[in-house]
Amino acid sequence: MTDPVDSLSESALAPRPAEGEPFADEERLLGFYDRLRARVLAAAERRAGRRGEQATKLLLVVPDVFLFLVRLALDREVPAQTRALIGGTLVYFLVPIDLLPEAFVGPYGFLDDLVLAAGVLQSAFGQQLEPWARRHWSGGEELRRVLADVSEAGHGLLGARVEGRLQRFLARRGIPFERGAGGRS
């Protein structure tokens, strides 16, 4: 059986040509954001008690992180290699079958997508994230704190097996990810 994470093609992670659009269909991504936000809010209201407060709290930032990634991918000032990593992360969000398949577990399946996004953002921007956050982040809480919370909670949210597979996926692409790597500022 093939690993669904490995089914993401390397071409999805390859840089786009400088003269082309970062994404052919910006409206599709923004429509996905709207649907994602509605699903997440509905799931949080229905299952808040059963899934735990921490999982629900982090689930509520998934749409904001997705929108932040879209904005970064569309920003020509973001280096092309970083936009390529972000593009691959957006593909992971859009694919319904991954380590925690949204098709089977509902919106809580976006938690692995969130942990992946945190790892990519921390690796790509490190301590240089703040200017990009000021420009593109629209979440209610400070982005660096959100990323630190996500990386700290990764093991508990995903379980050791899924977290390990996600860390190996990132490592194969040269992206180190450790719990608490987001730092607190």
Protein backbone atom coordinates (compact mmCIF):
# COMPACT_ATOMS: atom_id res chain seq x y z
CA MET A 1 0.00 0.00 0.00
CA THR A 2 1.41 3.39 -0.93
CA ASP A 3 1.64 6.20 1.55
CA PRO A 4 -0.86 8.94 0.57
CA VAL A 5 1.66 11.58 1.58
CA ASP A 6 4.19 10.16 -0.86
CA SER A 7 1.62 10.38 -3.64
CA LEU A 8 2.13 14.15 -3.72
CA SER A 9 4.25 14.63 -6.79
CA GLU A 10 7.53 16.43 -6.61
CA SER A 11 6.20 18.69 -9.37
CA ALA A 12 3.64 20.00 -6.90
CA LEU A 13 6.57 21.18 -4.79
CA ALA A 14 8.59 22.56 -7.72
CA PRO A 15 8.87 26.34 -8.14
CA ARG A 16 6.49 27.98 -10.57
CA PRO A 17 7.87 30.03 -13.46
CA ALA A 18 8.51 33.66 -12.47
CA GLU A 19 6.29 35.02 -15.23
CA GLY A 20 3.33 32.73 -14.46
CA GLU A 21 0.71 33.02 -11.79
CA PRO A 22 1.51 31.19 -8.54
CA PHE A 23 -1.86 29.48 -8.81
CA ALA A 24 -4.00 29.17 -11.91
CA ASP A 25 -7.24 29.51 -9.99
CA GLU A 26 -7.03 31.96 -7.09
CA GLU A 27 -10.83 31.96 -6.78
CA ARG A 28 -10.82 28.19 -6.21
CA LEU A 29 -8.44 28.59 -3.28
CA LEU A 30 -10.48 31.38 -1.74
CA GLY A 31 -13.66 29.34 -2.23
CA PHE A 32 -11.94 26.46 -0.46
CA TYR A 33 -11.18 28.84 2.41
CA ASP A 34 -14.85 29.80 2.73
CA ARG A 35 -15.98 26.15 2.71
CA LEU A 36 -13.22 25.18 5.13
CA ARG A 37 -14.16 27.92 7.58
CA ALA A 38 -17.83 26.89 7.52
CA ARG A 39 -16.99 23.19 8.05
CA VAL A 40 -14.56 23.92 10.87
CA LEU A 41 -17.00 26.16 12.73
CA ALA A 42 -19.80 23.62 12.37
CA ALA A 43 -17.57 20.76 13.59
CA ALA A 44 -16.30 22.80 16.51
CA GLU A 45 -19.85 23.56 17.61
CA ARG A 46 -21.00 19.93 17.25
CA ARG A 47 -18.03 18.09 18.72
CA ALA A 48 -16.25 20.50 21.03
CA GLY A 49 -16.76 18.39 24.15
CA ARG A 50 -15.82 15.07 22.54
CA ARG A 51 -12.62 16.17 20.82
CA GLY A 52 -11.10 18.21 23.60
CA GLU A 53 -10.64 21.89 24.11
CA GLN A 54 -7.11 22.05 22.67
CA ALA A 55 -8.02 20.26 19.43
CA THR A 56 -11.07 22.47 18.99
CA LYS A 57 -9.08 25.65 19.68
CA LEU A 58 -6.45 24.70 17.11
CA LEU A 59 -9.06 23.56 14.62
CA LEU A 60 -10.49 27.07 14.67
CA VAL A 61 -7.19 28.53 13.38
CA VAL A 62 -7.00 26.14 10.40
CA PRO A 63 -8.87 28.51 8.02
CA ASP A 64 -6.69 31.46 9.07
CA VAL A 65 -3.49 29.46 8.50
CA PHE A 66 -4.80 28.31 5.10
CA LEU A 67 -5.58 31.92 4.09
CA PHE A 68 -2.14 33.04 5.32
CA LEU A 69 -0.52 30.36 3.13
CA VAL A 70 -2.57 31.49 0.10
CA ARG A 71 -1.55 35.11 0.65
CA LEU A 72 2.12 34.14 0.98
CA ALA A 73 1.94 32.01 -2.17
CA LEU A 74 0.52 34.94 -4.11
CA ASP A 75 3.05 37.47 -2.75
CA ARG A 76 5.80 37.99 -5.33
CA GLU A 77 8.15 39.27 -2.61
CA VAL A 78 8.23 35.80 -1.02
CA PRO A 79 11.20 33.90 -2.50
CA ALA A 80 10.24 31.43 -5.24
CA GLN A 81 11.60 28.41 -3.35
CA THR A 82 9.56 29.36 -0.28
CA ARG A 83 6.45 29.86 -2.41
CA ALA A 84 7.03 26.38 -3.84
CA LEU A 85 7.09 24.88 -0.33
CA ILE A 86 3.95 26.80 0.54
CA GLY A 87 2.32 25.62 -2.70
CA GLY A 88 3.05 22.02 -1.74
CA THR A 89 1.51 22.66 1.66
CA LEU A 90 -1.61 24.09 0.01
CA VAL A 91 -1.84 20.98 -2.16
CA TYR A 92 -1.72 18.88 1.02
CA PHE A 93 -4.63 20.93 2.41
CA LEU A 94 -6.65 20.39 -0.77
CA VAL A 95 -6.08 16.62 -1.04
CA PRO A 96 -8.87 14.95 0.96
CA ILE A 97 -6.94 11.70 1.54
CA ASP A 98 -3.77 12.20 3.56
CA LEU A 99 -2.46 11.09 6.97
CA LEU A 100 -5.70 12.14 8.70
CA PRO A 101 -8.18 11.98 5.82
CA GLU A 102 -10.83 14.67 6.03
CA ALA A 103 -13.01 12.41 3.88
CA PHE A 104 -13.23 9.96 6.79
CA VAL A 105 -12.73 11.96 9.99
CA GLY A 106 -14.32 15.24 8.96
CA PRO A 107 -12.84 18.66 9.70
CA TYR A 108 -10.67 17.28 12.50
CA GLY A 109 -8.70 15.68 9.67
CA PHE A 110 -7.24 19.14 8.99
CA LEU A 111 -5.13 18.90 12.15
CA ASP A 112 -2.31 17.10 10.30
CA ASP A 113 -2.51 19.79 7.61
CA LEU A 114 -2.12 22.39 10.36
CA VAL A 115 0.92 20.63 11.86
CA LEU A 116 2.46 20.37 8.38
CA ALA A 117 1.83 24.08 7.74
CA ALA A 118 3.44 24.99 11.08
CA GLY A 119 6.54 22.97 10.20
CA VAL A 120 6.84 24.51 6.75
CA LEU A 121 6.34 28.07 8.01
CA GLN A 122 8.84 27.63 10.83
CA SER A 123 11.41 26.10 8.49
CA ALA A 124 10.91 28.56 5.63
CA PHE A 125 10.80 31.77 7.66
CA GLY A 126 12.36 31.01 11.05
CA GLN A 127 12.85 34.24 12.95
CA GLN A 128 11.94 36.27 9.84
CA LEU A 129 8.24 35.38 10.06
CA GLU A 130 7.07 38.55 11.81
CA PRO A 131 7.13 40.95 8.82
CA TRP A 132 5.13 38.46 6.76
CA ALA A 133 2.69 37.95 9.62
CA ARG A 134 2.13 41.71 9.91
CA ARG A 135 1.43 41.85 6.20
CA HIS A 136 -0.74 38.74 5.71
CA TRP A 137 -1.92 37.17 9.00
CA SER A 138 -5.54 37.88 9.90
CA GLY A 139 -5.94 35.46 12.80
CA GLY A 140 -6.94 36.72 16.23
CA GLU A 141 -3.87 35.41 18.06
CA GLU A 142 -0.20 36.15 17.35
CA LEU A 143 0.98 33.83 14.56
CA ARG A 144 4.21 32.76 16.27
CA ARG A 145 2.20 31.73 19.35
CA VAL A 146 -0.24 29.77 17.17
CA LEU A 147 2.61 27.92 15.46
CA ALA A 148 4.27 27.16 18.80
CA ASP A 149 0.97 25.84 20.17
CA VAL A 150 0.50 23.65 17.09
CA SER A 151 3.99 22.18 17.25
CA GLU A 152 3.70 21.59 21.01
CA ALA A 153 0.34 19.88 20.60
CA GLY A 154 1.26 17.82 17.53
CA HIS A 155 1.90 14.55 19.38
CA GLY A 156 -1.28 14.75 21.43
CA LEU A 157 -3.41 15.78 18.48
CA LEU A 158 -2.08 13.34 15.92
CA GLY A 159 -0.79 10.46 17.99
CA ALA A 160 2.77 9.16 17.85
CA ARG A 161 2.31 7.17 14.63
CA VAL A 162 0.79 9.96 12.52
CA GLU A 163 3.15 12.56 13.99
CA GLY A 164 6.14 10.33 13.18
CA ARG A 165 4.99 9.83 9.58
CA LEU A 166 4.48 13.57 9.18
CA GLN A 167 7.95 14.30 10.60
CA ARG A 168 9.48 11.77 8.18
CA PHE A 169 7.57 13.35 5.29
CA LEU A 170 8.97 16.76 6.22
CA ALA A 171 12.49 15.40 6.79
CA ARG A 172 12.55 13.83 3.30
CA ARG A 173 11.97 17.32 1.95
CA GLY A 174 14.67 18.86 4.13
CA ILE A 175 12.24 20.45 6.59
CA PRO A 176 13.14 19.85 10.23
CA PHE A 177 10.20 19.90 12.61
CA GLU A 178 10.33 19.44 16.33
CA ARG A 179 7.81 20.03 19.06
CA GLY A 180 7.91 23.60 20.31
CA ALA A 181 9.96 24.82 17.34
CA GLY A 182 7.72 27.84 16.90
CA GLY A 183 9.12 29.66 19.89
CA ARG A 184 7.21 32.20 21.92
CA SER A 185 7.70 35.87 21.50
